[in-house]
Amino acid sequence: MSMNQQCRLAHRPVGMPKSSDFLFTEEAIPTPKTGELLLKTRYISLDPAMRGWMNDAKSYLPPVGLGEVMRASTISEVVASENTAFAVGDFVFGSEGIQEYSVATGKGLMKVNPELASLPTYLGTLGMTGLTAYFGLLRIGLPKEGETIVVSGAAGAVGMIVGQIGKIKGCRVVGIAGEKEKCDYVVAELGFDACINYKTDNMHKALRQHCPQGIDIYFDNVGGEILDAVLTQINKSARIPLCGAISQYNGTEGTKGPSNYLSLLVNRARLEGFIILDYVPEFLPAIQEMAVWLSTGKLKTREQIVTGGVKEFLPALTMLFEGKNTGKLVLEV
């Protein structure tokens, strides 16, 4: 009889997560009771936010408890159902964690249509990362035609969508990435106007070159020195959606804030953090709009699929922090 493979958090990581921070376990596949359904995980979303969930610190979600299955967004197939709202063969988006099987009541699950888009796309462009880009840019960034948008992590799951939506809204879009291949990708394939390689280019000089009219919106995915450099180039009334700070997540000496923060004062600019969960009631119309953009070719998606199942979780997650992914990183189970 097959067993349910699981990845549990064993220790709070210090710095980059390592193998000893996790425990891989097996248990019997559960049986759904009345009102429940048995889910077979097909794809698992790998996200920088996972690093924060491992810490015992106050956040927008409680930390993953020691010994608990590691939290993750998932696309699963219904393989047994005692719930009339779900049929065997349905595919659903949920948060079932790093495991092969789970039992759910149906609460919090959203059916997805594999005929509209591939299943991994519902973890990326039509999932949480795409929605993060959509609401962060449109509700916090408030782009206007002709403005200049700079987005860090430009070839990542969120950044690539931010830039494309910016172009749809008639803006000049400049990406920031850490490899020539990634910069070439966002310009040649996704339609960005330019891309800065932060590893080889002088950030201040490159920002002046590619943003001759200054920066109206900076979509921040990385924090650190890049945020500091951008703050020197922002325009009056600039908006900075604070999405993440991946450069800081594995630090062991505390988070480094921007030393150029007074530019916000001088330019009467706004740096605003946001959490995608604040927009849950609006998810469906946003997904529908992005699905239309996908079908008409205005929006492109890219998923990088890692195979090997649950036991490949840590090597796959590490790729995020080493900048080895392009597009949305997904683990196939």
Protein backbone atom coordinates (compact mmCIF):
# COMPACT_ATOMS: atom_id res chain seq x y z
CA MET A 1 0.00 0.00 0.00
CA SER A 2 1.36 3.44 -0.93
CA MET A 3 1.98 5.95 1.84
CA ASN A 4 1.60 9.69 2.20
CA GLN A 5 5.02 11.36 1.90
CA GLN A 6 5.31 14.56 3.95
CA CYS A 7 7.86 17.27 4.72
CA ARG A 8 7.68 18.68 8.25
CA LEU A 9 9.50 21.60 9.84
CA ALA A 10 11.92 20.18 12.41
CA HIS A 11 13.93 23.28 13.42
CA ARG A 12 13.79 27.04 12.94
CA PRO A 13 16.41 27.78 10.26
CA VAL A 14 19.26 30.18 10.92
CA GLY A 15 20.31 31.71 7.62
CA MET A 16 19.68 29.56 4.55
CA PRO A 17 17.44 26.56 5.36
CA LYS A 18 19.34 23.27 5.45
CA SER A 19 18.35 19.60 5.35
CA SER A 20 18.47 19.18 9.14
CA ASP A 21 15.72 21.80 9.47
CA PHE A 22 13.22 19.39 7.93
CA LEU A 23 11.94 15.91 8.61
CA PHE A 24 10.52 13.68 5.89
CA THR A 25 7.83 11.35 7.18
CA GLU A 26 5.39 8.75 5.92
CA GLU A 27 1.92 8.01 7.17
CA ALA A 28 -1.10 6.11 5.92
CA ILE A 29 -3.18 7.86 3.28
CA PRO A 30 -6.19 9.29 5.13
CA THR A 31 -9.80 8.33 4.37
CA PRO A 32 -12.34 11.14 3.92
CA LYS A 33 -15.35 11.24 6.22
CA THR A 34 -18.77 12.65 5.41
CA GLY A 35 -18.37 16.15 3.98
CA GLU A 36 -14.67 15.66 3.26
CA LEU A 37 -12.59 14.91 0.17
CA LEU A 38 -9.23 13.24 -0.42
CA LEU A 39 -6.79 15.28 -2.45
CA LYS A 40 -3.75 14.07 -4.39
CA THR A 41 -1.21 16.86 -4.67
CA ARG A 42 -0.07 17.45 -8.26
CA TYR A 43 1.91 20.70 -8.02
CA ILE A 44 3.37 22.69 -5.13
CA SER A 45 4.14 26.41 -5.23
CA LEU A 46 7.65 27.44 -4.14
CA ASP A 47 7.71 30.99 -2.80
CA PRO A 48 10.17 33.28 -0.98
CA ALA A 49 7.50 33.84 1.67
CA MET A 50 8.07 30.28 2.87
CA ARG A 51 11.29 31.43 4.53
CA GLY A 52 9.38 33.87 6.69
CA TRP A 53 6.80 31.24 7.67
CA MET A 54 9.62 29.17 9.20
CA ASN A 55 10.50 31.90 11.70
CA ASP A 56 8.89 32.13 15.13
CA ALA A 57 7.90 35.75 14.61
CA LYS A 58 4.74 37.81 14.30
CA SER A 59 3.58 38.10 10.71
CA TYR A 60 0.47 38.14 8.55
CA LEU A 61 0.20 34.36 9.08
CA PRO A 62 1.18 32.37 12.16
CA PRO A 63 4.53 30.57 11.84
CA VAL A 64 4.58 26.94 10.80
CA GLY A 65 4.75 24.95 14.01
CA LEU A 66 7.64 22.61 14.69
CA GLY A 67 6.59 19.13 13.62
CA GLU A 68 3.89 20.46 11.31
CA VAL A 69 3.67 19.80 7.58
CA MET A 70 5.41 22.70 5.81
CA ARG A 71 2.89 25.23 4.51
CA ALA A 72 2.55 25.65 0.74
CA SER A 73 -0.01 26.51 -1.91
CA THR A 74 -0.99 23.55 -4.04
CA ILE A 75 -2.90 22.31 -7.03
CA SER A 76 -4.52 18.98 -6.18
CA GLU A 77 -6.81 16.44 -7.80
CA VAL A 78 -9.87 15.14 -6.01
CA VAL A 79 -9.40 11.35 -5.84
CA ALA A 80 -12.23 10.54 -3.40
CA SER A 81 -15.15 12.68 -2.30
CA GLU A 82 -17.78 12.61 0.41
CA ASN A 83 -18.60 16.24 -0.36
CA THR A 84 -21.33 16.99 -2.93
CA ALA A 85 -19.62 20.25 -3.99
CA PHE A 86 -16.60 18.38 -5.37
CA ALA A 87 -16.41 15.42 -7.74
CA VAL A 88 -13.65 12.93 -8.32
CA GLY A 89 -11.46 14.33 -11.09
CA ASP A 90 -11.91 17.98 -10.10
CA PHE A 91 -8.73 20.05 -9.74
CA VAL A 92 -8.50 22.57 -6.92
CA PHE A 93 -6.23 25.32 -5.66
CA GLY A 94 -5.60 25.21 -1.92
CA SER A 95 -2.98 25.29 0.79
CA GLU A 96 -2.38 21.62 1.49
CA GLY A 97 1.34 21.86 2.22
CA ILE A 98 4.35 19.78 1.29
CA GLN A 99 2.72 16.36 1.17
CA GLU A 100 1.35 13.93 -1.39
CA TYR A 101 -2.16 13.52 0.00
CA SER A 102 -4.47 15.52 2.25
CA VAL A 103 -8.05 15.48 3.49
CA ALA A 104 -10.04 18.70 3.22
CA THR A 105 -13.53 19.92 4.03
CA GLY A 106 -13.69 22.05 0.89
CA LYS A 107 -13.37 25.32 2.79
CA GLY A 108 -10.77 27.55 1.16
CA LEU A 109 -10.53 25.41 -1.98
CA MET A 110 -11.07 26.93 -5.42
CA LYS A 111 -11.79 24.81 -8.47
CA VAL A 112 -9.53 25.42 -11.47
CA ASN A 113 -10.10 24.65 -15.12
CA PRO A 114 -7.23 22.76 -16.81
CA GLU A 115 -8.77 23.55 -20.21
CA LEU A 116 -8.37 27.29 -19.65
CA ALA A 117 -4.70 27.10 -18.62
CA SER A 118 -2.15 24.50 -17.57
CA LEU A 119 -2.35 23.46 -13.92
CA PRO A 120 0.98 25.06 -12.88
CA THR A 121 -0.26 28.39 -14.25
CA TYR A 122 -2.81 28.46 -11.43
CA LEU A 123 0.11 28.68 -8.99
CA GLY A 124 1.74 31.45 -10.99
CA THR A 125 0.16 33.90 -13.40
CA LEU A 126 -3.42 32.88 -12.53
CA GLY A 127 -2.51 32.19 -8.90
CA MET A 128 -1.09 33.99 -5.90
CA THR A 129 1.99 35.43 -7.61
CA GLY A 130 0.02 36.77 -10.56
CA LEU A 131 -2.56 38.25 -8.20
CA THR A 132 0.22 39.78 -6.11
CA ALA A 133 1.54 41.53 -9.22
CA TYR A 134 -1.97 42.59 -10.29
CA PHE A 135 -3.13 44.14 -7.01
CA GLY A 136 0.26 45.45 -5.95
CA LEU A 137 0.75 47.38 -9.16
CA LEU A 138 -2.82 48.44 -9.89
CA ARG A 139 -3.97 49.24 -6.35
CA ILE A 140 -0.76 50.43 -4.70
CA GLY A 141 1.31 51.54 -7.69
CA LEU A 142 -1.64 53.21 -9.49
CA PRO A 143 0.11 53.36 -12.89
CA LYS A 144 -0.73 56.11 -15.35
CA GLU A 145 0.02 55.99 -19.07
CA GLY A 146 3.47 57.36 -19.84
CA GLU A 147 4.90 56.81 -16.36
CA THR A 148 8.11 54.89 -15.67
CA ILE A 149 7.96 51.67 -13.66
CA VAL A 150 11.01 49.88 -12.29
CA VAL A 151 10.59 46.33 -11.02
CA SER A 152 13.20 44.24 -9.21
CA GLY A 153 13.22 40.47 -9.47
CA ALA A 154 12.01 41.16 -12.99
CA ALA A 155 12.35 37.57 -14.25
CA GLY A 156 10.68 36.09 -11.18
CA ALA A 157 7.11 34.95 -10.79
CA VAL A 158 5.80 38.31 -9.58
CA GLY A 159 8.17 40.66 -11.36
CA MET A 160 7.55 39.28 -14.85
CA ILE A 161 3.81 39.87 -14.45
CA VAL A 162 4.25 43.35 -12.97
CA GLY A 163 6.27 44.42 -15.99
CA GLN A 164 3.79 43.04 -18.50
CA ILE A 165 0.81 44.65 -16.78
CA GLY A 166 2.77 47.89 -16.75
CA LYS A 167 3.15 47.67 -20.52
CA ILE A 168 -0.56 46.87 -20.91
CA LYS A 169 -1.25 50.11 -19.01
CA GLY A 170 0.99 52.12 -21.35
CA CYS A 171 4.00 52.63 -19.09
CA ARG A 172 7.73 52.50 -19.67
CA VAL A 173 9.01 49.44 -17.81
CA VAL A 174 12.58 48.83 -16.66
CA GLY A 175 13.44 45.53 -15.02
CA ILE A 176 16.26 44.61 -12.66
CA ALA A 177 17.64 41.05 -12.68
CA GLY A 178 20.88 39.25 -11.88
CA GLU A 179 21.79 37.50 -15.13
CA LYS A 180 22.18 38.56 -18.75
CA GLU A 181 19.90 35.71 -19.83
CA LYS A 182 17.16 36.94 -17.52
CA CYS A 183 17.53 40.51 -18.73
CA ASP A 184 17.40 39.34 -22.34
CA TYR A 185 14.28 37.29 -21.57
CA VAL A 186 12.24 40.11 -20.04
CA VAL A 187 13.14 42.51 -22.84
CA ALA A 188 12.96 40.21 -25.87
CA GLU A 189 10.13 37.92 -24.73
CA LEU A 190 8.08 39.96 -22.29
CA GLY A 191 8.38 43.40 -23.86
CA PHE A 192 10.14 45.33 -21.09
CA ASP A 193 11.78 48.51 -22.40
CA ALA A 194 15.09 47.77 -20.68
CA CYS A 195 16.64 45.61 -17.99
CA ILE A 196 19.52 46.31 -15.61
CA ASN A 197 21.88 43.53 -14.53
CA TYR A 198 22.56 44.43 -10.90
CA LYS A 199 25.57 42.10 -10.76
CA THR A 200 27.48 43.78 -13.60
CA ASP A 201 25.96 47.25 -14.10
CA ASN A 202 26.48 50.35 -12.00
CA MET A 203 22.99 50.67 -10.54
CA HIS A 204 22.93 54.45 -10.19
CA LYS A 205 24.30 55.06 -13.69
CA ALA A 206 22.00 52.46 -15.26
CA LEU A 207 18.91 53.85 -13.55
CA ARG A 208 19.72 57.35 -14.83
CA GLN A 209 20.30 55.95 -18.32
CA HIS A 210 17.13 53.88 -18.58
CA CYS A 211 14.87 56.17 -16.56
CA PRO A 212 15.70 59.60 -17.99
CA GLN A 213 12.41 61.01 -16.68
CA GLY A 214 12.91 59.53 -13.23
CA ILE A 215 10.98 56.73 -11.56
CA ASP A 216 7.26 57.02 -10.83
CA ILE A 217 6.67 53.49 -9.52
CA TYR A 218 9.13 51.04 -8.04
CA PHE A 219 7.78 47.53 -7.42
CA ASP A 220 10.14 46.17 -4.78
CA ASN A 221 10.69 42.44 -4.52
CA VAL A 222 14.23 42.42 -3.13
CA GLY A 223 14.91 45.30 -0.71
CA GLY A 224 18.50 46.00 0.35
CA GLU A 225 20.94 47.95 -1.77
CA ILE A 226 18.70 47.94 -4.85
CA LEU A 227 15.91 49.69 -2.97
CA ASP A 228 18.45 52.22 -1.72
CA ALA A 229 19.66 52.94 -5.25
CA VAL A 230 16.15 53.37 -6.63
CA LEU A 231 15.21 55.81 -3.86
CA THR A 232 17.80 58.25 -5.22
CA GLN A 233 15.98 58.39 -8.57
CA ILE A 234 12.28 58.59 -7.62
CA ASN A 235 10.02 61.40 -8.77
CA LYS A 236 7.69 63.57 -6.74
CA SER A 237 4.65 61.54 -5.60
CA ALA A 238 6.31 58.25 -6.54
CA ARG A 239 4.65 55.07 -5.32
CA ILE A 240 6.59 52.03 -4.06
CA PRO A 241 4.59 48.83 -3.56
CA LEU A 242 6.60 46.84 -1.02
CA CYS A 243 6.05 43.24 -2.04
CA GLY A 244 9.08 41.49 -0.58
CA ALA A 245 12.75 41.67 0.36
CA ILE A 246 14.28 38.39 -0.75
CA SER A 247 17.79 39.78 -0.35
CA GLN A 248 17.17 39.96 3.41
CA TYR A 249 15.32 36.73 4.20
CA ASN A 250 18.32 34.54 5.03
CA GLY A 251 20.39 37.20 6.77
CA THR A 252 21.74 36.44 10.23
CA GLU A 253 22.54 40.01 11.31
CA GLY A 254 19.10 41.58 11.15
CA THR A 255 17.22 43.28 8.33
CA LYS A 256 18.98 46.25 6.74
CA GLY A 257 16.64 49.14 6.05
CA PRO A 258 17.09 51.79 3.35
CA SER A 259 19.58 54.51 4.25
CA ASN A 260 18.09 56.79 1.56
CA TYR A 261 14.60 56.77 3.09
CA LEU A 262 14.56 60.59 3.37
CA SER A 263 14.01 60.65 -0.38
CA LEU A 264 10.45 59.59 0.45
CA LEU A 265 10.05 62.78 2.47
CA VAL A 266 11.69 65.11 -0.04
CA ASN A 267 9.63 63.71 -2.92
CA ARG A 268 6.41 63.28 -0.95
CA ALA A 269 6.54 59.67 -2.09
CA ARG A 270 4.80 56.63 -0.62
CA LEU A 271 6.28 53.24 0.26
CA GLU A 272 3.42 50.88 1.14
CA GLY A 273 3.48 47.24 2.11
CA PHE A 274 0.60 45.01 1.13
CA ILE A 275 -0.59 41.45 1.65
CA ILE A 276 -2.38 39.64 -1.14
CA LEU A 277 -4.82 38.09 1.34
CA ASP A 278 -6.41 41.55 1.73
CA TYR A 279 -7.84 41.18 -1.77
CA VAL A 280 -9.40 37.70 -1.55
CA PRO A 281 -12.96 38.94 -2.36
CA GLU A 282 -11.63 40.34 -5.65
CA PHE A 283 -9.61 37.33 -6.76
CA LEU A 284 -12.08 35.92 -9.26
CA PRO A 285 -12.56 39.04 -11.45
CA ALA A 286 -8.79 39.64 -11.40
CA ILE A 287 -8.12 36.06 -12.53
CA GLN A 288 -10.73 36.43 -15.26
CA GLU A 289 -9.13 39.62 -16.55
CA MET A 290 -5.65 38.09 -16.58
CA ALA A 291 -7.02 34.96 -18.30
CA VAL A 292 -8.29 37.20 -21.10
CA TRP A 293 -4.87 38.86 -21.35
CA LEU A 294 -3.29 35.41 -21.59
CA SER A 295 -5.69 34.20 -24.26
CA THR A 296 -5.20 37.32 -26.38
CA GLY A 297 -1.40 37.26 -26.12
CA LYS A 298 -1.10 40.44 -24.07
CA LEU A 299 0.33 38.46 -21.16
CA LYS A 300 2.85 35.63 -21.24
CA THR A 301 3.46 33.07 -18.53
CA ARG A 302 6.41 30.89 -17.67
CA GLU A 303 6.68 28.12 -15.12
CA GLN A 304 9.88 26.31 -14.22
CA ILE A 305 8.91 22.80 -13.12
CA VAL A 306 11.10 20.80 -10.74
CA THR A 307 10.38 17.08 -10.72
CA GLY A 308 11.10 14.50 -8.05
CA GLY A 309 8.27 14.99 -5.60
CA VAL A 310 8.19 15.97 -1.94
CA LYS A 311 11.81 15.01 -1.21
CA GLU A 312 13.03 17.63 -3.70
CA PHE A 313 11.41 20.45 -1.73
CA LEU A 314 14.55 21.90 -0.14
CA PRO A 315 16.82 21.81 -3.24
CA ALA A 316 14.01 23.39 -5.22
CA LEU A 317 13.32 26.07 -2.60
CA THR A 318 17.03 26.93 -2.44
CA MET A 319 16.92 27.79 -6.14
CA LEU A 320 14.79 30.83 -5.29
CA PHE A 321 17.39 32.31 -2.96
CA GLU A 322 20.25 31.55 -5.33
CA GLY A 323 18.49 33.21 -8.26
CA LYS A 324 18.43 30.00 -10.30
CA ASN A 325 14.81 30.22 -11.44
CA THR A 326 13.16 32.13 -14.25
CA GLY A 327 9.42 32.59 -13.95
CA LYS A 328 7.28 30.74 -11.45
CA LEU A 329 9.06 27.89 -9.65
CA VAL A 330 6.83 24.84 -9.13
CA LEU A 331 7.47 21.39 -7.65
CA GLU A 332 5.74 18.51 -9.40
CA VAL A 333 4.61 15.69 -7.12
